């Protein structure tokens, strides 16, 4: 049973590291701020979640697992919220360039909330 848990833990850790590396490559390769924020937000949540899952499997049913679950819940709540807030702030600033994929988006925050 220990071998199975170690294997699953190692698989989760490797998958988490893979997604984090893909996210960092996305930060370097994506063309504009908005697609970079998408790459960072998605892979940050998924990569960190898998790494924390692998660490929870290694920790067993201890206080460490409870702390890791609290960290995971905090990351799941704050990472998408922070990404969303950054993109909304960038969209509301008229000095920022429009997104490459959706150039027809409104230019001010009042137009965004009116829809």
PDB file of N, CA and C in Angstrom:
ATOM      1  N   UNK A   1       0.820  -1.196   0.000  1.00  0.00           N
ATOM      2  CA  UNK A   1       0.000   0.000   0.000  1.00  0.00           C
ATOM      3  C   UNK A   1       0.863   1.259   0.000  1.00  0.00           C
ATOM      4  N   UNK A   2       2.002   1.201   0.697  1.00  0.00           N
ATOM      5  CA  UNK A   2       2.898   2.361   0.718  1.00  0.00           C
ATOM      6  C   UNK A   2       3.444   2.655  -0.672  1.00  0.00           C
ATOM      7  N   UNK A   3       3.717   1.606  -1.439  1.00  0.00           N
ATOM      8  CA  UNK A   3       4.226   1.802  -2.791  1.00  0.00           C
ATOM      9  C   UNK A   3       3.203   2.487  -3.690  1.00  0.00           C
ATOM     10  N   UNK A   4       1.925   2.137  -3.521  1.00  0.00           N
ATOM     11  CA  UNK A   4       0.867   2.765  -4.308  1.00  0.00           C
ATOM     12  C   UNK A   4       0.719   4.244  -3.948  1.00  0.00           C
ATOM     13  N   UNK A   5       0.744   4.535  -2.676  1.00  0.00           N
ATOM     14  CA  UNK A   5       0.621   5.936  -2.238  1.00  0.00           C
ATOM     15  C   UNK A   5       1.832   6.734  -2.700  1.00  0.00           C
ATOM     16  N   UNK A   6       3.019   6.145  -2.604  1.00  0.00           N
ATOM     17  CA  UNK A   6       4.219   6.840  -3.080  1.00  0.00           C
ATOM     18  C   UNK A   6       4.160   7.078  -4.584  1.00  0.00           C
ATOM     19  N   UNK A   7       3.656   6.107  -5.324  1.00  0.00           N
ATOM     20  CA  UNK A   7       3.527   6.261  -6.775  1.00  0.00           C
ATOM     21  C   UNK A   7       2.530   7.348  -7.155  1.00  0.00           C
ATOM     22  N   UNK A   8       1.367   7.342  -6.486  1.00  0.00           N
ATOM     23  CA  UNK A   8       0.367   8.377  -6.753  1.00  0.00           C
ATOM     24  C   UNK A   8       0.869   9.763  -6.352  1.00  0.00           C
ATOM     25  N   UNK A   9       1.587   9.810  -5.237  1.00  0.00           N
ATOM     26  CA  UNK A   9       2.148  11.077  -4.786  1.00  0.00           C
ATOM     27  C   UNK A   9       3.184  11.601  -5.776  1.00  0.00           C
ATOM     28  N   UNK A  10       4.057  10.728  -6.223  1.00  0.00           N
ATOM     29  CA  UNK A  10       5.063  11.130  -7.203  1.00  0.00           C
ATOM     30  C   UNK A  10       4.443  11.566  -8.512  1.00  0.00           C
ATOM     31  N   UNK A  11       3.384  10.866  -8.937  1.00  0.00           N
ATOM     32  CA  UNK A  11       2.682  11.238 -10.162  1.00  0.00           C
ATOM     33  C   UNK A  11       2.028  12.620 -10.034  1.00  0.00           C
ATOM     34  N   UNK A  12       1.397  12.878  -8.893  1.00  0.00           N
ATOM     35  CA  UNK A  12       0.765  14.178  -8.673  1.00  0.00           C
ATOM     36  C   UNK A  12       1.814  15.287  -8.617  1.00  0.00           C
ATOM     37  N   UNK A  13       2.944  15.022  -7.971  1.00  0.00           N
ATOM     38  CA  UNK A  13       4.011  16.022  -7.896  1.00  0.00           C
ATOM     39  C   UNK A  13       4.594  16.313  -9.280  1.00  0.00           C
ATOM     40  N   UNK A  14       4.831  15.261 -10.055  1.00  0.00           N
ATOM     41  CA  UNK A  14       5.372  15.473 -11.404  1.00  0.00           C
ATOM     42  C   UNK A  14       4.384  16.200 -12.305  1.00  0.00           C
ATOM     43  N   UNK A  15       3.108  15.849 -12.200  1.00  0.00           N
ATOM     44  CA  UNK A  15       2.101  16.540 -13.009  1.00  0.00           C
ATOM     45  C   UNK A  15       2.002  18.002 -12.600  1.00  0.00           C
ATOM     46  N   UNK A  16       2.068  18.282 -11.297  1.00  0.00           N
ATOM     47  CA  UNK A  16       2.026  19.664 -10.831  1.00  0.00           C
ATOM     48  C   UNK A  16       3.208  20.478 -11.323  1.00  0.00           C
ATOM     49  N   UNK A  17       4.390  19.890 -11.286  1.00  0.00           N
ATOM     50  CA  UNK A  17       5.580  20.577 -11.790  1.00  0.00           C
ATOM     51  C   UNK A  17       5.471  20.784 -13.297  1.00  0.00           C
ATOM     52  N   UNK A  18       4.935  19.789 -14.008  1.00  0.00           N
ATOM     53  CA  UNK A  18       4.748  19.933 -15.451  1.00  0.00           C
ATOM     54  C   UNK A  18       3.827  21.102 -15.776  1.00  0.00           C
ATOM     55  N   UNK A  19       2.691  21.193 -15.082  1.00  0.00           N
ATOM     56  CA  UNK A  19       1.761  22.287 -15.355  1.00  0.00           C
ATOM     57  C   UNK A  19       2.352  23.636 -14.985  1.00  0.00           C
ATOM     58  N   UNK A  20       3.148  23.685 -13.948  1.00  0.00           N
ATOM     59  CA  UNK A  20       3.799  24.945 -13.594  1.00  0.00           C
ATOM     60  C   UNK A  20       4.825  25.355 -14.651  1.00  0.00           C
ATOM     61  N   UNK A  21       5.555  24.389 -15.187  1.00  0.00           N
ATOM     62  CA  UNK A  21       6.510  24.702 -16.255  1.00  0.00           C
ATOM     63  C   UNK A  21       5.798  25.140 -17.528  1.00  0.00           C
ATOM     64  N   UNK A  22       4.681  24.504 -17.847  1.00  0.00           N
ATOM     65  CA  UNK A  22       3.903  24.916 -19.016  1.00  0.00           C
ATOM     66  C   UNK A  22       3.375  26.333 -18.809  1.00  0.00           C
ATOM     67  N   UNK A  23       2.946  26.648 -17.608  1.00  0.00           N
ATOM     68  CA  UNK A  23       2.469  27.995 -17.313  1.00  0.00           C
ATOM     69  C   UNK A  23       3.564  29.041 -17.420  1.00  0.00           C
ATOM     70  N   UNK A  24       4.763  28.700 -16.967  1.00  0.00           N
ATOM     71  CA  UNK A  24       5.858  29.665 -17.088  1.00  0.00           C
ATOM     72  C   UNK A  24       6.282  29.832 -18.543  1.00  0.00           C
ATOM     73  N   UNK A  25       6.206  28.767 -19.327  1.00  0.00           N
ATOM     74  CA  UNK A  25       6.476  28.900 -20.763  1.00  0.00           C
ATOM     75  C   UNK A  25       5.388  29.747 -21.424  1.00  0.00           C
ATOM     76  N   UNK A  26       4.148  29.603 -20.966  1.00  0.00           N
ATOM     77  CA  UNK A  26       3.061  30.424 -21.485  1.00  0.00           C
ATOM     78  C   UNK A  26       3.258  31.892 -21.173  1.00  0.00           C
ATOM     79  N   UNK A  27       3.811  32.189 -20.008  1.00  0.00           N
ATOM     80  CA  UNK A  27       4.092  33.585 -19.673  1.00  0.00           C
ATOM     81  C   UNK A  27       5.120  34.190 -20.617  1.00  0.00           C
ATOM     82  N   UNK A  28       6.042  33.378 -21.068  1.00  0.00           N
ATOM     83  CA  UNK A  28       7.081  33.879 -21.969  1.00  0.00           C
ATOM     84  C   UNK A  28       6.613  33.925 -23.420  1.00  0.00           C
ATOM     85  N   UNK A  29       5.747  33.016 -23.833  1.00  0.00           N
ATOM     86  CA  UNK A  29       5.392  32.869 -25.241  1.00  0.00           C
ATOM     87  C   UNK A  29       4.114  33.583 -25.668  1.00  0.00           C
ATOM     88  N   UNK A  30       3.223  33.881 -24.747  1.00  0.00           N
ATOM     89  CA  UNK A  30       1.942  34.481 -25.128  1.00  0.00           C
ATOM     90  C   UNK A  30       2.138  35.923 -25.591  1.00  0.00           C
ATOM     91  N   UNK A  31       1.285  36.382 -26.520  1.00  0.00           N
ATOM     92  CA  UNK A  31       1.527  37.667 -27.166  1.00  0.00           C
ATOM     93  C   UNK A  31       1.152  38.908 -26.357  1.00  0.00           C
ATOM     94  N   UNK A  32       0.149  38.838 -25.480  1.00  0.00           N
ATOM     95  CA  UNK A  32      -0.252  40.050 -24.766  1.00  0.00           C
ATOM     96  C   UNK A  32      -0.546  39.745 -23.304  1.00  0.00           C
ATOM     97  N   UNK A  33      -0.819  40.801 -22.565  1.00  0.00           N
ATOM     98  CA  UNK A  33      -1.040  40.709 -21.119  1.00  0.00           C
ATOM     99  C   UNK A  33      -2.194  39.778 -20.770  1.00  0.00           C
ATOM    100  N   UNK A  34      -3.264  39.851 -21.528  1.00  0.00           N
ATOM    101  CA  UNK A  34      -4.471  39.121 -21.181  1.00  0.00           C
ATOM    102  C   UNK A  34      -4.290  37.607 -21.349  1.00  0.00           C
ATOM    103  N   UNK A  35      -3.638  37.189 -22.403  1.00  0.00           N
ATOM    104  CA  UNK A  35      -3.396  35.756 -22.572  1.00  0.00           C
ATOM    105  C   UNK A  35      -2.335  35.267 -21.595  1.00  0.00           C
ATOM    106  N   UNK A  36      -1.405  36.124 -21.229  1.00  0.00           N
ATOM    107  CA  UNK A  36      -0.430  35.744 -20.199  1.00  0.00           C
ATOM    108  C   UNK A  36      -1.104  35.558 -18.850  1.00  0.00           C
ATOM    109  N   UNK A  37      -2.059  36.409 -18.538  1.00  0.00           N
ATOM    110  CA  UNK A  37      -2.784  36.263 -17.274  1.00  0.00           C
ATOM    111  C   UNK A  37      -3.603  34.969 -17.274  1.00  0.00           C
ATOM    112  N   UNK A  38      -4.141  34.600 -18.415  1.00  0.00           N
ATOM    113  CA  UNK A  38      -4.884  33.346 -18.498  1.00  0.00           C
ATOM    114  C   UNK A  38      -3.949  32.162 -18.237  1.00  0.00           C
ATOM    115  N   UNK A  39      -2.790  32.180 -18.882  1.00  0.00           N
ATOM    116  CA  UNK A  39      -1.827  31.085 -18.685  1.00  0.00           C
ATOM    117  C   UNK A  39      -1.366  31.019 -17.236  1.00  0.00           C
ATOM    118  N   UNK A  40      -1.118  32.151 -16.640  1.00  0.00           N
ATOM    119  CA  UNK A  40      -0.645  32.161 -15.257  1.00  0.00           C
ATOM    120  C   UNK A  40      -1.732  31.727 -14.283  1.00  0.00           C
ATOM    121  N   UNK A  41      -2.935  32.203 -14.478  1.00  0.00           N
ATOM    122  CA  UNK A  41      -4.017  31.887 -13.551  1.00  0.00           C
ATOM    123  C   UNK A  41      -4.421  30.432 -13.567  1.00  0.00           C
ATOM    124  N   UNK A  42      -4.548  29.871 -14.753  1.00  0.00           N
ATOM    125  CA  UNK A  42      -4.980  28.477 -14.865  1.00  0.00           C
ATOM    126  C   UNK A  42      -3.914  27.526 -14.334  1.00  0.00           C
ATOM    127  N   UNK A  43      -2.693  27.697 -14.811  1.00  0.00           N
ATOM    128  CA  UNK A  43      -1.659  26.738 -14.424  1.00  0.00           C
ATOM    129  C   UNK A  43      -1.202  26.938 -12.990  1.00  0.00           C
ATOM    130  N   UNK A  44      -1.337  28.139 -12.465  1.00  0.00           N
ATOM    131  CA  UNK A  44      -0.986  28.360 -11.067  1.00  0.00           C
ATOM    132  C   UNK A  44      -1.916  27.564 -10.165  1.00  0.00           C
ATOM    133  N   UNK A  45      -3.194  27.627 -10.438  1.00  0.00           N
ATOM    134  CA  UNK A  45      -4.166  26.916  -9.612  1.00  0.00           C
ATOM    135  C   UNK A  45      -4.022  25.403  -9.771  1.00  0.00           C
ATOM    136  N   UNK A  46      -3.931  24.937 -11.008  1.00  0.00           N
ATOM    137  CA  UNK A  46      -3.846  23.496 -11.248  1.00  0.00           C
ATOM    138  C   UNK A  46      -2.505  22.930 -10.781  1.00  0.00           C
ATOM    139  N   UNK A  47      -1.411  23.604 -11.115  1.00  0.00           N
ATOM    140  CA  UNK A  47      -0.087  23.107 -10.723  1.00  0.00           C
ATOM    141  C   UNK A  47       0.094  23.077  -9.218  1.00  0.00           C
ATOM    142  N   UNK A  48      -0.288  24.153  -8.559  1.00  0.00           N
ATOM    143  CA  UNK A  48      -0.159  24.187  -7.102  1.00  0.00           C
ATOM    144  C   UNK A  48      -1.083  23.171  -6.444  1.00  0.00           C
ATOM    145  N   UNK A  49      -2.274  22.991  -7.018  1.00  0.00           N
ATOM    146  CA  UNK A  49      -3.196  22.001  -6.465  1.00  0.00           C
ATOM    147  C   UNK A  49      -2.648  20.590  -6.553  1.00  0.00           C
ATOM    148  N   UNK A  50      -2.036  20.253  -7.670  1.00  0.00           N
ATOM    149  CA  UNK A  50      -1.463  18.908  -7.807  1.00  0.00           C
ATOM    150  C   UNK A  50      -0.250  18.713  -6.905  1.00  0.00           C
ATOM    151  N   UNK A  51       0.575  19.733  -6.772  1.00  0.00           N
ATOM    152  CA  UNK A  51       1.730  19.623  -5.869  1.00  0.00           C
ATOM    153  C   UNK A  51       1.243  19.444  -4.431  1.00  0.00           C
ATOM    154  N   UNK A  52       0.248  20.229  -4.039  1.00  0.00           N
ATOM    155  CA  UNK A  52      -0.280  20.082  -2.680  1.00  0.00           C
ATOM    156  C   UNK A  52      -0.957  18.725  -2.480  1.00  0.00           C
ATOM    157  N   UNK A  53      -1.615  18.203  -3.503  1.00  0.00           N
ATOM    158  CA  UNK A  53      -2.206  16.871  -3.410  1.00  0.00           C
ATOM    159  C   UNK A  53      -1.117  15.814  -3.203  1.00  0.00           C
ATOM    160  N   UNK A  54      -0.024  15.926  -3.957  1.00  0.00           N
ATOM    161  CA  UNK A  54       1.086  14.992  -3.773  1.00  0.00           C
ATOM    162  C   UNK A  54       1.686  15.079  -2.387  1.00  0.00           C
ATOM    163  N   UNK A  55       1.802  16.288  -1.853  1.00  0.00           N
ATOM    164  CA  UNK A  55       2.324  16.448  -0.498  1.00  0.00           C
ATOM    165  C   UNK A  55       1.362  15.907   0.554  1.00  0.00           C
ATOM    166  N   UNK A  56       0.049  16.049   0.293  1.00  0.00           N
ATOM    167  CA  UNK A  56      -0.933  15.496   1.227  1.00  0.00           C
ATOM    168  C   UNK A  56      -0.871  13.974   1.253  1.00  0.00           C
ATOM    169  N   UNK A  57      -0.665  13.380   0.088  1.00  0.00           N
ATOM    170  CA  UNK A  57      -0.541  11.918   0.060  1.00  0.00           C
ATOM    171  C   UNK A  57       0.695  11.454   0.824  1.00  0.00           C
ATOM    172  N   UNK A  58       1.756  12.208   0.752  1.00  0.00           N
ATOM    173  CA  UNK A  58       2.969  11.853   1.495  1.00  0.00           C
ATOM    174  C   UNK A  58       2.810  12.079   2.991  1.00  0.00           C
ATOM    175  N   UNK A  59       2.015  13.082   3.365  1.00  0.00           N
ATOM    176  CA  UNK A  59       1.860  13.425   4.775  1.00  0.00           C
ATOM    177  C   UNK A  59       0.965  12.481   5.543  1.00  0.00           C
ATOM    178  N   UNK A  60       0.067  11.790   4.858  1.00  0.00           N
ATOM    179  CA  UNK A  60      -0.865  10.911   5.560  1.00  0.00           C
ATOM    180  C   UNK A  60      -1.936  11.730   6.267  1.00  0.00           C
ATOM    181  N   UNK A  61      -2.662  11.086   7.194  1.00  0.00           N
ATOM    182  CA  UNK A  61      -3.723  11.780   7.928  1.00  0.00           C
ATOM    183  C   UNK A  61      -3.137  12.405   9.180  1.00  0.00           C
ATOM    184  N   UNK A  62      -2.532  13.583   9.000  1.00  0.00           N
ATOM    185  CA  UNK A  62      -1.921  14.293  10.116  1.00  0.00           C
ATOM    186  C   UNK A  62      -2.361  15.751  10.080  1.00  0.00           C
ATOM    187  N   UNK A  63      -1.845  16.524  11.008  1.00  0.00           N
ATOM    188  CA  UNK A  63      -2.113  17.958  11.032  1.00  0.00           C
ATOM    189  C   UNK A  63      -1.512  18.650   9.814  1.00  0.00           C
ATOM    190  N   UNK A  64      -0.457  18.082   9.267  1.00  0.00           N
ATOM    191  CA  UNK A  64       0.164  18.641   8.063  1.00  0.00           C
ATOM    192  C   UNK A  64      -0.830  18.618   6.900  1.00  0.00           C
ATOM    193  N   UNK A  65      -1.591  17.541   6.774  1.00  0.00           N
ATOM    194  CA  UNK A  65      -2.577  17.426   5.704  1.00  0.00           C
ATOM    195  C   UNK A  65      -3.669  18.479   5.854  1.00  0.00           C
ATOM    196  N   UNK A  66      -4.085  18.745   7.081  1.00  0.00           N
ATOM    197  CA  UNK A  66      -5.098  19.779   7.320  1.00  0.00           C
ATOM    198  C   UNK A  66      -4.552  21.145   6.907  1.00  0.00           C
ATOM    199  N   UNK A  67      -3.305  21.423   7.241  1.00  0.00           N
ATOM    200  CA  UNK A  67      -2.693  22.692   6.859  1.00  0.00           C
ATOM    201  C   UNK A  67      -2.564  22.808   5.347  1.00  0.00           C
ATOM    202  N   UNK A  68      -2.195  21.710   4.692  1.00  0.00           N
ATOM    203  CA  UNK A  68      -2.105  21.727   3.232  1.00  0.00           C
ATOM    204  C   UNK A  68      -3.474  21.923   2.588  1.00  0.00           C
ATOM    205  N   UNK A  69      -4.517  21.350   3.167  1.00  0.00           N
ATOM    206  CA  UNK A  69      -5.872  21.573   2.666  1.00  0.00           C
ATOM    207  C   UNK A  69      -6.284  23.040   2.808  1.00  0.00           C
ATOM    208  N   UNK A  70      -5.909  23.666   3.907  1.00  0.00           N
ATOM    209  CA  UNK A  70      -6.210  25.086   4.092  1.00  0.00           C
ATOM    210  C   UNK A  70      -5.460  25.945   3.073  1.00  0.00           C
ATOM    211  N   UNK A  71      -4.211  25.597   2.817  1.00  0.00           N
ATOM    212  CA  UNK A  71      -3.442  26.318   1.793  1.00  0.00           C
ATOM    213  C   UNK A  71      -4.086  26.133   0.424  1.00  0.00           C
ATOM    214  N   UNK A  72      -4.516  24.920   0.121  1.00  0.00           N
ATOM    215  CA  UNK A  72      -5.167  24.644  -1.160  1.00  0.00           C
ATOM    216  C   UNK A  72      -6.465  25.439  -1.312  1.00  0.00           C
ATOM    217  N   UNK A  73      -7.269  25.478  -0.261  1.00  0.00           N
ATOM    218  CA  UNK A  73      -8.511  26.258  -0.312  1.00  0.00           C
ATOM    219  C   UNK A  73      -8.213  27.741  -0.507  1.00  0.00           C
ATOM    220  N   UNK A  74      -7.193  28.243   0.170  1.00  0.00           N
ATOM    221  CA  UNK A  74      -6.807  29.645   0.015  1.00  0.00           C
ATOM    222  C   UNK A  74      -6.362  29.930  -1.416  1.00  0.00           C
ATOM    223  N   UNK A  75      -5.561  29.041  -1.992  1.00  0.00           N
ATOM    224  CA  UNK A  75      -5.114  29.242  -3.374  1.00  0.00           C
ATOM    225  C   UNK A  75      -6.264  29.162  -4.361  1.00  0.00           C
ATOM    226  N   UNK A  76      -7.188  28.242  -4.166  1.00  0.00           N
ATOM    227  CA  UNK A  76      -8.325  28.109  -5.074  1.00  0.00           C
ATOM    228  C   UNK A  76      -9.226  29.333  -5.029  1.00  0.00           C
ATOM    229  N   UNK A  77      -9.268  30.011  -3.897  1.00  0.00           N
ATOM    230  CA  UNK A  77     -10.095  31.214  -3.797  1.00  0.00           C
ATOM    231  C   UNK A  77      -9.371  32.459  -4.295  1.00  0.00           C
ATOM    232  N   UNK A  78      -8.092  32.581  -4.000  1.00  0.00           N
ATOM    233  CA  UNK A  78      -7.394  33.837  -4.279  1.00  0.00           C
ATOM    234  C   UNK A  78      -6.776  33.916  -5.667  1.00  0.00           C
ATOM    235  N   UNK A  79      -6.316  32.840  -6.226  1.00  0.00           N
ATOM    236  CA  UNK A  79      -5.647  32.908  -7.524  1.00  0.00           C
ATOM    237  C   UNK A  79      -6.587  33.339  -8.649  1.00  0.00           C
ATOM    238  N   UNK A  80      -7.754  32.721  -8.812  1.00  0.00           N
ATOM    239  CA  UNK A  80      -8.662  33.205  -9.862  1.00  0.00           C
ATOM    240  C   UNK A  80      -9.177  34.623  -9.583  1.00  0.00           C
ATOM    241  N   UNK A  81      -9.382  34.944  -8.318  1.00  0.00           N
ATOM    242  CA  UNK A  81      -9.858  36.277  -7.972  1.00  0.00           C
ATOM    243  C   UNK A  81      -8.813  37.335  -8.306  1.00  0.00           C
ATOM    244  N   UNK A  82      -7.561  37.056  -8.000  1.00  0.00           N
ATOM    245  CA  UNK A  82      -6.489  38.010  -8.309  1.00  0.00           C
ATOM    246  C   UNK A  82      -6.308  38.165  -9.819  1.00  0.00           C
ATOM    247  N   UNK A  83      -6.378  37.072 -10.556  1.00  0.00           N
ATOM    248  CA  UNK A  83      -6.270  37.152 -12.014  1.00  0.00           C
ATOM    249  C   UNK A  83      -7.411  37.974 -12.595  1.00  0.00           C
ATOM    250  N   UNK A  84      -8.607  37.736 -12.111  1.00  0.00           N
ATOM    251  CA  UNK A  84      -9.769  38.479 -12.594  1.00  0.00           C
ATOM    252  C   UNK A  84      -9.633  39.971 -12.281  1.00  0.00           C
ATOM    253  N   UNK A  85      -9.187  40.304 -11.077  1.00  0.00           N
ATOM    254  CA  UNK A  85      -9.044  41.706 -10.692  1.00  0.00           C
ATOM    255  C   UNK A  85      -7.981  42.407 -11.534  1.00  0.00           C
ATOM    256  N   UNK A  86      -6.881  41.727 -11.818  1.00  0.00           N
ATOM    257  CA  UNK A  86      -5.835  42.329 -12.646  1.00  0.00           C
ATOM    258  C   UNK A  86      -6.318  42.593 -14.068  1.00  0.00           C
ATOM    259  N   UNK A  87      -7.056  41.644 -14.640  1.00  0.00           N
ATOM    260  CA  UNK A  87      -7.554  41.835 -15.999  1.00  0.00           C
ATOM    261  C   UNK A  87      -8.610  42.932 -16.041  1.00  0.00           C
ATOM    262  N   UNK A  88      -9.495  42.985 -15.053  1.00  0.00           N
ATOM    263  CA  UNK A  88     -10.495  44.057 -15.018  1.00  0.00           C
ATOM    264  C   UNK A  88      -9.836  45.425 -14.874  1.00  0.00           C
ATOM    265  N   UNK A  89      -8.784  45.505 -14.051  1.00  0.00           N
ATOM    266  CA  UNK A  89      -8.078  46.775 -13.903  1.00  0.00           C
ATOM    267  C   UNK A  89      -7.394  47.167 -15.206  1.00  0.00           C
ATOM    268  N   UNK A  90      -6.836  46.212 -15.907  1.00  0.00           N
ATOM    269  CA  UNK A  90      -6.180  46.512 -17.187  1.00  0.00           C
ATOM    270  C   UNK A  90      -7.196  46.930 -18.236  1.00  0.00           C
ATOM    271  N   UNK A  91      -8.369  46.313 -18.237  1.00  0.00           N
ATOM    272  CA  UNK A  91      -9.399  46.684 -19.204  1.00  0.00           C
ATOM    273  C   UNK A  91      -9.978  48.070 -18.927  1.00  0.00           C
ATOM    274  N   UNK A  92     -10.031  48.461 -17.673  1.00  0.00           N
ATOM    275  CA  UNK A  92     -10.627  49.753 -17.344  1.00  0.00           C
ATOM    276  C   UNK A  92      -9.674  50.917 -17.581  1.00  0.00           C
ATOM    277  N   UNK A  93      -8.376  50.662 -17.751  1.00  0.00           N
ATOM    278  CA  UNK A  93      -7.408  51.722 -18.009  1.00  0.00           C
ATOM    279  C   UNK A  93      -7.368  52.010 -19.509  1.00  0.00           C
ATOM    280  N   UNK A  94      -7.737  53.227 -19.927  1.00  0.00           N
ATOM    281  CA  UNK A  94      -7.756  53.518 -21.363  1.00  0.00           C
ATOM    282  C   UNK A  94      -6.363  53.557 -21.990  1.00  0.00           C
ATOM    283  N   UNK A  95      -5.315  53.652 -21.190  1.00  0.00           N
ATOM    284  CA  UNK A  95      -3.954  53.679 -21.731  1.00  0.00           C
ATOM    285  C   UNK A  95      -3.425  52.314 -22.120  1.00  0.00           C
ATOM    286  N   UNK A  96      -4.065  51.259 -21.658  1.00  0.00           N
ATOM    287  CA  UNK A  96      -3.613  49.905 -21.986  1.00  0.00           C
ATOM    288  C   UNK A  96      -4.117  49.497 -23.363  1.00  0.00           C
ATOM    289  N   UNK A  97      -3.344  48.678 -24.072  1.00  0.00           N
ATOM    290  CA  UNK A  97      -3.818  48.196 -25.380  1.00  0.00           C
ATOM    291  C   UNK A  97      -4.972  47.219 -25.206  1.00  0.00           C
ATOM    292  N   UNK A  98      -5.798  47.131 -26.212  1.00  0.00           N
ATOM    293  CA  UNK A  98      -6.929  46.212 -26.208  1.00  0.00           C
ATOM    294  C   UNK A  98      -6.424  44.785 -26.347  1.00  0.00           C
ATOM    295  N   UNK A  99      -7.193  43.795 -25.916  1.00  0.00           N
ATOM    296  CA  UNK A  99      -6.796  42.399 -26.106  1.00  0.00           C
ATOM    297  C   UNK A  99      -6.682  42.049 -27.583  1.00  0.00           C
ATOM    298  N   UNK A 100      -5.708  41.207 -27.910  1.00  0.00           N
ATOM    299  CA  UNK A 100      -5.527  40.806 -29.297  1.00  0.00           C
ATOM    300  C   UNK A 100      -6.656  39.915 -29.793  1.00  0.00           C
ATOM    301  N   UNK A 101      -7.173  39.068 -28.931  1.00  0.00           N
ATOM    302  CA  UNK A 101      -8.199  38.117 -29.358  1.00  0.00           C
ATOM    303  C   UNK A 101      -9.585  38.733 -29.429  1.00  0.00           C
ATOM    304  N   UNK A 102      -9.857  39.750 -28.610  1.00  0.00           N
ATOM    305  CA  UNK A 102     -11.172  40.399 -28.582  1.00  0.00           C
ATOM    306  C   UNK A 102     -10.989  41.914 -28.604  1.00  0.00           C
ATOM    307  N   UNK A 103     -10.608  42.483 -29.740  1.00  0.00           N
ATOM    308  CA  UNK A 103     -10.356  43.922 -29.785  1.00  0.00           C
ATOM    309  C   UNK A 103     -11.619  44.767 -29.683  1.00  0.00           C
ATOM    310  N   UNK A 104     -12.794  44.179 -29.816  1.00  0.00           N
ATOM    311  CA  UNK A 104     -14.041  44.930 -29.781  1.00  0.00           C
ATOM    312  C   UNK A 104     -14.565  45.161 -28.374  1.00  0.00           C
ATOM    313  N   UNK A 105     -13.835  44.737 -27.341  1.00  0.00           N
ATOM    314  CA  UNK A 105     -14.299  44.941 -25.978  1.00  0.00           C
ATOM    315  C   UNK A 105     -14.400  46.428 -25.672  1.00  0.00           C
ATOM    316  N   UNK A 106     -15.318  46.815 -24.786  1.00  0.00           N
ATOM    317  CA  UNK A 106     -15.453  48.228 -24.455  1.00  0.00           C
ATOM    318  C   UNK A 106     -14.200  48.772 -23.774  1.00  0.00           C
ATOM    319  N   UNK A 107     -14.005  50.086 -23.885  1.00  0.00           N
ATOM    320  CA  UNK A 107     -12.759  50.670 -23.414  1.00  0.00           C
ATOM    321  C   UNK A 107     -12.825  51.189 -21.991  1.00  0.00           C
ATOM    322  N   UNK A 108     -13.993  51.306 -21.375  1.00  0.00           N
ATOM    323  CA  UNK A 108     -14.051  51.808 -20.011  1.00  0.00           C
ATOM    324  C   UNK A 108     -14.842  50.851 -19.133  1.00  0.00           C
ATOM    325  N   UNK A 109     -14.649  50.990 -17.834  1.00  0.00           N
ATOM    326  CA  UNK A 109     -15.317  50.086 -16.905  1.00  0.00           C
ATOM    327  C   UNK A 109     -16.816  50.346 -16.850  1.00  0.00           C
ATOM    328  N   UNK A 110     -17.261  51.565 -17.158  1.00  0.00           N
ATOM    329  CA  UNK A 110     -18.686  51.824 -17.145  1.00  0.00           C
ATOM    330  C   UNK A 110     -19.389  51.088 -18.277  1.00  0.00           C
ATOM    331  N   UNK A 111     -18.710  50.946 -19.407  1.00  0.00           N
ATOM    332  CA  UNK A 111     -19.291  50.204 -20.516  1.00  0.00           C
ATOM    333  C   UNK A 111     -19.304  48.708 -20.227  1.00  0.00           C
ATOM    334  N   UNK A 112     -18.333  48.228 -19.461  1.00  0.00           N
ATOM    335  CA  UNK A 112     -18.269  46.807 -19.129  1.00  0.00           C
ATOM    336  C   UNK A 112     -19.422  46.442 -18.190  1.00  0.00           C
ATOM    337  N   UNK A 113     -19.662  47.274 -17.168  1.00  0.00           N
ATOM    338  CA  UNK A 113     -20.701  46.946 -16.203  1.00  0.00           C
ATOM    339  C   UNK A 113     -22.101  47.200 -16.745  1.00  0.00           C
ATOM    340  N   UNK A 114     -22.228  48.035 -17.792  1.00  0.00           N
ATOM    341  CA  UNK A 114     -23.543  48.329 -18.337  1.00  0.00           C
ATOM    342  C   UNK A 114     -24.111  47.160 -19.126  1.00  0.00           C
ATOM    343  N   UNK A 115     -23.268  46.282 -19.618  1.00  0.00           N
ATOM    344  CA  UNK A 115     -23.746  45.141 -20.411  1.00  0.00           C
ATOM    345  C   UNK A 115     -24.356  44.102 -19.597  1.00  0.00           C
TER     346      UNK A 115
END
